[in-house]
């Protein structure tokens, strides 16, 4: 069981490296795609896999609640800051901040599985 915990820990480093390799290989940077754009769904998948492996209940509902609250807060922030609302700007801002939320959620998950 300890080897699975170490693999979950190594995912923190391997996922951004894998994303950067894919971006370099397919030259996606010229289209405005960063490694965070690819790491976001990969970390979300890893949250599902790791939480279902180590915990009795998956953390996906809590993660989806956190993403929903993030979307609400970003919407309020964008409406207050500028009077008009642009979906393109919202989705880009949500996607990039969602990466940081997902990374933080995954790190908390790692702390939980190493404590339990």
C-alpha atoms as a PDB file:
ATOM      1  CA  UNK A   1       0.000   0.000   0.000  1.00  0.00           C
ATOM      2  CA  UNK A   2       2.932   2.331   0.595  1.00  0.00           C
ATOM      3  CA  UNK A   3       3.983   2.040  -3.061  1.00  0.00           C
ATOM      4  CA  UNK A   4       0.584   3.420  -4.135  1.00  0.00           C
ATOM      5  CA  UNK A   5       1.051   6.363  -1.792  1.00  0.00           C
ATOM      6  CA  UNK A   6       4.451   7.067  -3.297  1.00  0.00           C
ATOM      7  CA  UNK A   7       3.006   6.841  -6.802  1.00  0.00           C
ATOM      8  CA  UNK A   8       0.311   9.339  -5.794  1.00  0.00           C
ATOM      9  CA  UNK A   9       3.066  11.620  -4.506  1.00  0.00           C
ATOM     10  CA  UNK A  10       5.075  11.308  -7.722  1.00  0.00           C
ATOM     11  CA  UNK A  11       1.989  12.319  -9.746  1.00  0.00           C
ATOM     12  CA  UNK A  12       2.462  15.870  -8.423  1.00  0.00           C
ATOM     13  CA  UNK A  13       5.729  16.119 -10.344  1.00  0.00           C
ATOM     14  CA  UNK A  14       4.984  13.886 -13.314  1.00  0.00           C
ATOM     15  CA  UNK A  15       1.715  15.511 -14.362  1.00  0.00           C
ATOM     16  CA  UNK A  16       3.166  18.985 -15.114  1.00  0.00           C
ATOM     17  CA  UNK A  17       6.204  17.408 -16.768  1.00  0.00           C
ATOM     18  CA  UNK A  18       3.950  15.246 -18.949  1.00  0.00           C
ATOM     19  CA  UNK A  19       1.825  18.279 -19.829  1.00  0.00           C
ATOM     20  CA  UNK A  20       4.887  20.316 -20.760  1.00  0.00           C
ATOM     21  CA  UNK A  21       6.183  17.502 -22.978  1.00  0.00           C
ATOM     22  CA  UNK A  22       2.835  17.281 -24.792  1.00  0.00           C
ATOM     23  CA  UNK A  23       2.782  21.049 -25.323  1.00  0.00           C
ATOM     24  CA  UNK A  24       6.337  21.054 -26.654  1.00  0.00           C
ATOM     25  CA  UNK A  25       5.751  18.010 -28.832  1.00  0.00           C
ATOM     26  CA  UNK A  26       2.626  19.341 -30.522  1.00  0.00           C
ATOM     27  CA  UNK A  27       3.702  23.028 -30.410  1.00  0.00           C
ATOM     28  CA  UNK A  28       0.538  24.049 -28.582  1.00  0.00           C
ATOM     29  CA  UNK A  29       2.089  27.138 -27.013  1.00  0.00           C
ATOM     30  CA  UNK A  30       1.576  29.111 -30.225  1.00  0.00           C
ATOM     31  CA  UNK A  31      -2.167  28.500 -29.760  1.00  0.00           C
ATOM     32  CA  UNK A  32      -2.029  29.913 -26.229  1.00  0.00           C
ATOM     33  CA  UNK A  33      -2.202  26.599 -24.395  1.00  0.00           C
ATOM     34  CA  UNK A  34      -0.028  26.332 -21.302  1.00  0.00           C
ATOM     35  CA  UNK A  35       0.910  23.301 -19.234  1.00  0.00           C
ATOM     36  CA  UNK A  36      -1.672  24.367 -16.642  1.00  0.00           C
ATOM     37  CA  UNK A  37      -4.406  23.927 -19.241  1.00  0.00           C
ATOM     38  CA  UNK A  38      -3.511  20.257 -19.674  1.00  0.00           C
ATOM     39  CA  UNK A  39      -2.637  19.589 -16.048  1.00  0.00           C
ATOM     40  CA  UNK A  40      -6.027  20.752 -14.785  1.00  0.00           C
ATOM     41  CA  UNK A  41      -8.084  17.798 -16.121  1.00  0.00           C
ATOM     42  CA  UNK A  42      -5.270  15.359 -15.368  1.00  0.00           C
ATOM     43  CA  UNK A  43      -5.142  16.409 -11.716  1.00  0.00           C
ATOM     44  CA  UNK A  44      -8.951  16.165 -11.563  1.00  0.00           C
ATOM     45  CA  UNK A  45      -8.721  12.596 -12.857  1.00  0.00           C
ATOM     46  CA  UNK A  46      -5.981  11.839 -10.344  1.00  0.00           C
ATOM     47  CA  UNK A  47      -8.142  13.199  -7.522  1.00  0.00           C
ATOM     48  CA  UNK A  48     -10.834  10.747  -8.535  1.00  0.00           C
ATOM     49  CA  UNK A  49      -8.447   7.804  -8.839  1.00  0.00           C
ATOM     50  CA  UNK A  50      -6.466   8.436  -5.664  1.00  0.00           C
ATOM     51  CA  UNK A  51      -9.454   9.270  -3.473  1.00  0.00           C
ATOM     52  CA  UNK A  52     -11.367   6.191  -4.637  1.00  0.00           C
ATOM     53  CA  UNK A  53      -8.316   3.999  -3.983  1.00  0.00           C
ATOM     54  CA  UNK A  54      -7.468   5.198  -0.483  1.00  0.00           C
ATOM     55  CA  UNK A  55     -10.686   6.576   0.989  1.00  0.00           C
ATOM     56  CA  UNK A  56     -14.036   4.900   1.523  1.00  0.00           C
ATOM     57  CA  UNK A  57     -15.877   7.859  -0.049  1.00  0.00           C
ATOM     58  CA  UNK A  58     -14.639   9.704  -3.077  1.00  0.00           C
ATOM     59  CA  UNK A  59     -13.797  13.380  -2.722  1.00  0.00           C
ATOM     60  CA  UNK A  60     -15.263  14.253  -6.108  1.00  0.00           C
ATOM     61  CA  UNK A  61     -18.482  15.803  -4.676  1.00  0.00           C
ATOM     62  CA  UNK A  62     -16.412  18.125  -2.470  1.00  0.00           C
ATOM     63  CA  UNK A  63     -14.171  18.968  -5.385  1.00  0.00           C
ATOM     64  CA  UNK A  64     -17.155  19.799  -7.598  1.00  0.00           C
ATOM     65  CA  UNK A  65     -18.615  21.987  -4.841  1.00  0.00           C
ATOM     66  CA  UNK A  66     -15.290  23.825  -4.607  1.00  0.00           C
ATOM     67  CA  UNK A  67     -15.239  24.358  -8.391  1.00  0.00           C
ATOM     68  CA  UNK A  68     -18.830  25.607  -8.305  1.00  0.00           C
ATOM     69  CA  UNK A  69     -18.000  28.102  -5.563  1.00  0.00           C
ATOM     70  CA  UNK A  70     -14.966  29.199  -7.560  1.00  0.00           C
ATOM     71  CA  UNK A  71     -17.158  29.821 -10.613  1.00  0.00           C
ATOM     72  CA  UNK A  72     -19.634  31.842  -8.553  1.00  0.00           C
ATOM     73  CA  UNK A  73     -16.891  33.930  -6.952  1.00  0.00           C
ATOM     74  CA  UNK A  74     -15.186  34.566 -10.299  1.00  0.00           C
ATOM     75  CA  UNK A  75     -18.484  35.625 -11.840  1.00  0.00           C
ATOM     76  CA  UNK A  76     -19.143  38.076  -9.019  1.00  0.00           C
ATOM     77  CA  UNK A  77     -15.585  39.385  -9.286  1.00  0.00           C
ATOM     78  CA  UNK A  78     -15.771  39.892 -13.049  1.00  0.00           C
ATOM     79  CA  UNK A  79     -19.159  41.620 -12.876  1.00  0.00           C
ATOM     80  CA  UNK A  80     -18.011  43.973 -10.121  1.00  0.00           C
ATOM     81  CA  UNK A  81     -14.705  44.758 -11.809  1.00  0.00           C
ATOM     82  CA  UNK A  82     -16.103  45.387 -15.271  1.00  0.00           C
ATOM     83  CA  UNK A  83     -19.727  46.070 -16.023  1.00  0.00           C
ATOM     84  CA  UNK A  84     -19.880  43.728 -19.014  1.00  0.00           C
ATOM     85  CA  UNK A  85     -19.404  39.981 -18.736  1.00  0.00           C
ATOM     86  CA  UNK A  86     -17.399  38.077 -21.321  1.00  0.00           C
ATOM     87  CA  UNK A  87     -17.690  34.307 -21.445  1.00  0.00           C
ATOM     88  CA  UNK A  88     -14.308  33.967 -23.131  1.00  0.00           C
ATOM     89  CA  UNK A  89     -12.581  35.860 -20.348  1.00  0.00           C
ATOM     90  CA  UNK A  90     -14.554  33.963 -17.685  1.00  0.00           C
ATOM     91  CA  UNK A  91     -13.672  30.530 -19.059  1.00  0.00           C
ATOM     92  CA  UNK A  92      -9.997  31.412 -19.416  1.00  0.00           C
ATOM     93  CA  UNK A  93      -9.854  32.851 -15.898  1.00  0.00           C
ATOM     94  CA  UNK A  94     -11.830  29.905 -14.488  1.00  0.00           C
ATOM     95  CA  UNK A  95      -9.639  27.352 -16.241  1.00  0.00           C
ATOM     96  CA  UNK A  96      -6.402  28.896 -14.953  1.00  0.00           C
ATOM     97  CA  UNK A  97      -7.622  29.432 -11.383  1.00  0.00           C
ATOM     98  CA  UNK A  98      -9.256  26.011 -11.443  1.00  0.00           C
ATOM     99  CA  UNK A  99      -5.811  24.543 -11.954  1.00  0.00           C
ATOM    100  CA  UNK A 100      -4.554  26.127  -8.743  1.00  0.00           C
ATOM    101  CA  UNK A 101      -7.646  24.979  -6.844  1.00  0.00           C
ATOM    102  CA  UNK A 102      -7.229  21.465  -8.201  1.00  0.00           C
ATOM    103  CA  UNK A 103      -3.544  21.373  -7.322  1.00  0.00           C
ATOM    104  CA  UNK A 104      -4.302  22.561  -3.786  1.00  0.00           C
ATOM    105  CA  UNK A 105      -7.090  19.985  -3.496  1.00  0.00           C
ATOM    106  CA  UNK A 106      -4.740  17.237  -4.674  1.00  0.00           C
ATOM    107  CA  UNK A 107      -2.064  18.280  -2.177  1.00  0.00           C
ATOM    108  CA  UNK A 108      -4.632  18.191   0.636  1.00  0.00           C
ATOM    109  CA  UNK A 109      -5.650  14.740  -0.574  1.00  0.00           C
ATOM    110  CA  UNK A 110      -2.015  13.624  -0.376  1.00  0.00           C
ATOM    111  CA  UNK A 111      -1.772  14.892   3.189  1.00  0.00           C
ATOM    112  CA  UNK A 112      -4.946  12.990   4.063  1.00  0.00           C
ATOM    113  CA  UNK A 113      -3.760   9.702   2.589  1.00  0.00           C
ATOM    114  CA  UNK A 114      -0.354   9.937   4.263  1.00  0.00           C
ATOM    115  CA  UNK A 115      -1.999  10.640   7.635  1.00  0.00           C
ATOM    116  CA  UNK A 116      -4.526   7.803   7.307  1.00  0.00           C
END
